[in-house]
N, C-alpha and C. Protein backbone atom coordinates (compact mmCIF):
# COMPACT_ATOMS: atom_id res chain seq x y z
N MET A 1 -26.09 25.75 -47.14
CA MET A 1 -26.69 24.09 -47.28
C MET A 1 -26.24 23.25 -47.10
N MET A 2 -24.80 23.65 -47.28
CA MET A 2 -24.00 22.27 -46.78
C MET A 2 -23.53 22.59 -45.36
N GLY A 3 -23.36 23.57 -44.69
CA GLY A 3 -23.13 23.56 -43.43
C GLY A 3 -24.41 22.56 -42.81
N TRP A 4 -25.71 22.43 -43.13
CA TRP A 4 -26.64 21.53 -42.33
C TRP A 4 -26.18 20.32 -42.31
N GLY A 5 -25.99 19.95 -43.53
CA GLY A 5 -25.56 18.65 -44.29
C GLY A 5 -24.37 18.35 -42.93
N MET A 6 -23.24 18.71 -42.99
CA MET A 6 -22.16 18.80 -41.83
C MET A 6 -22.78 18.43 -40.64
N PHE A 7 -23.71 19.37 -40.46
CA PHE A 7 -23.89 19.34 -38.81
C PHE A 7 -24.91 18.01 -38.57
N TRP A 8 -25.81 17.47 -39.97
CA TRP A 8 -26.44 16.40 -39.53
C TRP A 8 -25.61 15.15 -39.33
N ILE A 9 -24.12 15.01 -40.10
CA ILE A 9 -23.65 14.29 -40.09
C ILE A 9 -22.71 13.82 -38.85
N LEU A 10 -22.31 15.19 -38.05
CA LEU A 10 -21.75 15.28 -36.88
C LEU A 10 -23.06 14.63 -36.06
N LEU A 11 -24.02 15.03 -35.75
CA LEU A 11 -25.13 14.71 -34.77
C LEU A 11 -25.13 13.48 -34.90
N LYS A 12 -25.32 12.50 -36.00
CA LYS A 12 -25.53 11.20 -36.30
C LYS A 12 -24.11 10.48 -35.74
N ILE A 13 -23.06 10.80 -36.29
CA ILE A 13 -21.52 10.45 -35.17
C ILE A 13 -21.49 10.48 -33.58
N ILE A 14 -22.27 11.44 -33.31
CA ILE A 14 -22.37 11.76 -31.73
C ILE A 14 -23.26 10.54 -31.01
N VAL A 15 -24.58 11.04 -32.05
CA VAL A 15 -25.49 9.52 -31.34
C VAL A 15 -25.53 8.13 -31.44
N ILE A 16 -24.60 7.65 -32.27
CA ILE A 16 -23.83 6.37 -32.62
C ILE A 16 -22.55 6.11 -31.42
N GLY A 17 -21.81 7.29 -31.31
CA GLY A 17 -21.35 7.00 -30.12
C GLY A 17 -21.39 6.90 -28.84
N PHE A 18 -22.57 7.49 -28.67
CA PHE A 18 -23.41 7.52 -27.41
C PHE A 18 -24.20 6.21 -27.22
N ILE A 19 -24.38 5.71 -28.50
CA ILE A 19 -25.04 4.21 -28.26
C ILE A 19 -24.25 3.43 -28.30
N ILE A 20 -22.73 3.36 -28.49
CA ILE A 20 -21.63 2.24 -28.00
C ILE A 20 -21.31 2.44 -26.60
N TYR A 21 -21.21 3.57 -26.22
CA TYR A 21 -20.88 4.03 -25.01
C TYR A 21 -21.36 3.01 -23.98
N GLY A 22 -22.99 3.38 -24.19
CA GLY A 22 -23.90 2.92 -23.24
C GLY A 22 -23.78 0.85 -23.40
N LEU A 23 -23.61 1.00 -24.35
CA LEU A 23 -23.66 -0.79 -24.50
C LEU A 23 -22.39 -1.20 -24.15
N LEU A 24 -21.42 -0.66 -24.24
CA LEU A 24 -20.10 -0.69 -23.49
C LEU A 24 -20.37 -0.81 -22.28
N LEU A 25 -21.11 0.00 -21.29
CA LEU A 25 -21.38 -0.02 -19.64
C LEU A 25 -22.12 -0.98 -19.44
N LEU A 26 -23.41 -1.39 -20.37
CA LEU A 26 -23.95 -2.55 -19.97
C LEU A 26 -23.37 -3.83 -20.10
N ILE A 27 -22.29 -3.89 -21.13
CA ILE A 27 -21.49 -5.09 -20.97
C ILE A 27 -20.78 -5.42 -19.81
N LEU A 28 -19.72 -4.30 -19.77
CA LEU A 28 -18.57 -4.11 -18.41
C LEU A 28 -18.99 -4.33 -17.24
N ARG A 29 -20.26 -3.49 -16.89
CA ARG A 29 -20.55 -3.45 -15.63
C ARG A 29 -20.78 -4.90 -14.46
N PRO A 30 -21.24 -5.92 -15.33
CA PRO A 30 -21.21 -7.01 -14.81
C PRO A 30 -19.63 -7.77 -14.34
N LEU A 31 -18.89 -7.81 -15.40
CA LEU A 31 -17.62 -7.96 -15.26
C LEU A 31 -17.22 -7.17 -13.91
N GLU A 32 -17.57 -6.11 -13.56
CA GLU A 32 -16.87 -5.55 -12.56
C GLU A 32 -17.36 -5.76 -11.24
N LYS A 33 -18.59 -6.06 -11.45
CA LYS A 33 -19.13 -6.91 -9.93
C LYS A 33 -18.43 -8.35 -9.78
N LYS A 34 -17.85 -9.32 -10.96
CA LYS A 34 -17.46 -10.53 -10.79
C LYS A 34 -15.87 -10.35 -10.33
N LYS A 35 -14.95 -9.22 -10.47
CA LYS A 35 -14.07 -8.98 -9.86
C LYS A 35 -14.06 -8.58 -8.37
N ASP A 36 -14.67 -8.31 -7.87
CA ASP A 36 -15.08 -7.98 -6.40
C ASP A 36 -14.90 -9.54 -5.89
N ASN A 37 -15.38 -10.66 -6.35
CA ASN A 37 -15.83 -11.65 -5.67
C ASN A 37 -14.48 -12.69 -6.21
N SER A 38 -13.77 -11.81 -6.80
CA SER A 38 -12.35 -12.97 -7.31
C SER A 38 -11.31 -13.49 -6.23
N SER A 39 -10.79 -12.57 -5.36
CA SER A 39 -10.46 -12.89 -4.41
C SER A 39 -10.82 -14.36 -3.53
N ILE A 40 -12.04 -14.25 -3.32
CA ILE A 40 -13.06 -15.78 -2.80
C ILE A 40 -12.79 -16.44 -3.42
N LEU A 41 -13.11 -16.63 -4.90
CA LEU A 41 -12.86 -17.44 -6.01
C LEU A 41 -11.51 -18.15 -6.00
N ILE A 42 -10.80 -17.24 -5.72
CA ILE A 42 -9.04 -17.83 -5.85
C ILE A 42 -9.14 -18.95 -4.40
N LEU A 43 -9.97 -18.19 -3.40
CA LEU A 43 -9.51 -18.95 -2.39
C LEU A 43 -10.30 -20.48 -2.18
N GLU A 44 -11.37 -20.42 -2.53
CA GLU A 44 -11.84 -21.67 -3.07
C GLU A 44 -11.12 -22.79 -4.15
N GLU A 45 -10.89 -21.98 -5.17
CA GLU A 45 -9.64 -23.16 -5.88
C GLU A 45 -8.45 -23.72 -5.16
N ARG A 46 -8.23 -23.03 -4.15
CA ARG A 46 -6.47 -23.26 -3.66
C ARG A 46 -7.29 -24.34 -2.73
N LEU A 47 -8.68 -24.05 -2.03
CA LEU A 47 -9.23 -25.09 -1.04
C LEU A 47 -9.55 -26.17 -1.60
N ALA A 48 -9.99 -26.33 -2.72
CA ALA A 48 -10.05 -27.33 -3.78
C ALA A 48 -8.79 -28.33 -4.56
N ARG A 49 -7.63 -27.39 -4.68
CA ARG A 49 -6.52 -27.85 -5.31
C ARG A 49 -5.63 -28.73 -3.63
N GLY A 50 -6.02 -28.20 -2.70
CA GLY A 50 -5.38 -29.00 -1.29
C GLY A 50 -4.53 -27.76 -0.98
N GLU A 51 -4.25 -27.01 -1.54
CA GLU A 51 -3.05 -26.15 -0.84
C GLU A 51 -3.58 -25.44 0.23
N ILE A 52 -4.33 -25.28 1.05
CA ILE A 52 -5.06 -24.89 2.36
C ILE A 52 -6.31 -25.48 2.73
N ASP A 53 -6.02 -25.37 3.81
CA ASP A 53 -7.34 -26.61 4.66
C ASP A 53 -8.52 -25.81 4.94
N GLU A 54 -9.68 -26.36 5.38
CA GLU A 54 -10.68 -25.86 5.51
C GLU A 54 -10.65 -24.36 6.61
N GLU A 55 -10.23 -24.77 8.02
CA GLU A 55 -9.97 -23.84 8.92
C GLU A 55 -9.31 -22.55 8.48
N GLU A 56 -8.24 -22.84 7.76
CA GLU A 56 -7.23 -21.47 7.02
C GLU A 56 -8.64 -20.96 6.13
N PHE A 57 -9.19 -21.54 5.16
CA PHE A 57 -10.12 -20.80 4.17
C PHE A 57 -11.37 -20.01 4.89
N ARG A 58 -11.65 -20.78 6.01
CA ARG A 58 -12.84 -20.10 6.73
C ARG A 58 -12.26 -18.94 7.43
N ARG A 59 -11.05 -18.92 7.60
CA ARG A 59 -10.32 -17.55 8.36
C ARG A 59 -10.15 -16.71 7.37
N LYS A 60 -9.39 -16.89 6.45
CA LYS A 60 -9.40 -15.92 5.22
C LYS A 60 -10.35 -15.75 4.43
N LYS A 61 -11.58 -16.01 4.43
CA LYS A 61 -12.85 -15.82 4.14
C LYS A 61 -13.61 -14.93 4.80
N GLN A 62 -13.37 -15.23 6.35
CA GLN A 62 -14.46 -14.21 7.24
C GLN A 62 -12.92 -12.78 7.04
N VAL A 63 -11.67 -12.67 6.73
CA VAL A 63 -10.69 -11.44 6.54
C VAL A 63 -11.45 -10.82 5.43
N LEU A 64 -11.32 -11.39 4.29
CA LEU A 64 -11.80 -10.96 2.89
C LEU A 64 -13.38 -10.24 3.18
N GLN A 65 -14.27 -11.09 3.66
CA GLN A 65 -15.82 -10.53 3.50
C GLN A 65 -15.94 -9.58 5.09
N GLN A 66 -15.10 -9.13 5.86
CA GLN A 66 -14.96 -7.96 6.61
C GLN A 66 -14.41 -6.57 5.82
N LYS A 67 -13.25 -6.88 5.11
CA LYS A 67 -12.93 -5.99 4.00
C LYS A 67 -14.01 -5.29 3.16
N GLU A 68 -15.17 -5.93 2.64
CA GLU A 68 -16.46 -5.43 2.06
C GLU A 68 -17.02 -4.62 2.74
C-alpha cells in the first residue's frame, strides 16, 4: 500500500516539473528572438548617439542582415 502512495507522490512531482519546464520555455523563447536583433538595436543606438553617421549605419546594417 505504501508503494502506491510513493508512486503517486513521484508522479505528481514529475508532472509539476514538466509544467514548470513548459512555462519556462514559453517565457524564454520570445527573449531568444530579441537577442537575434540585438546587434541592429545597438547599431540604432550608436546612430542616435551620433557615434556613426547614416551611411555607416546603412552599410553595417546591410552586413548584419546578410549574415541572417
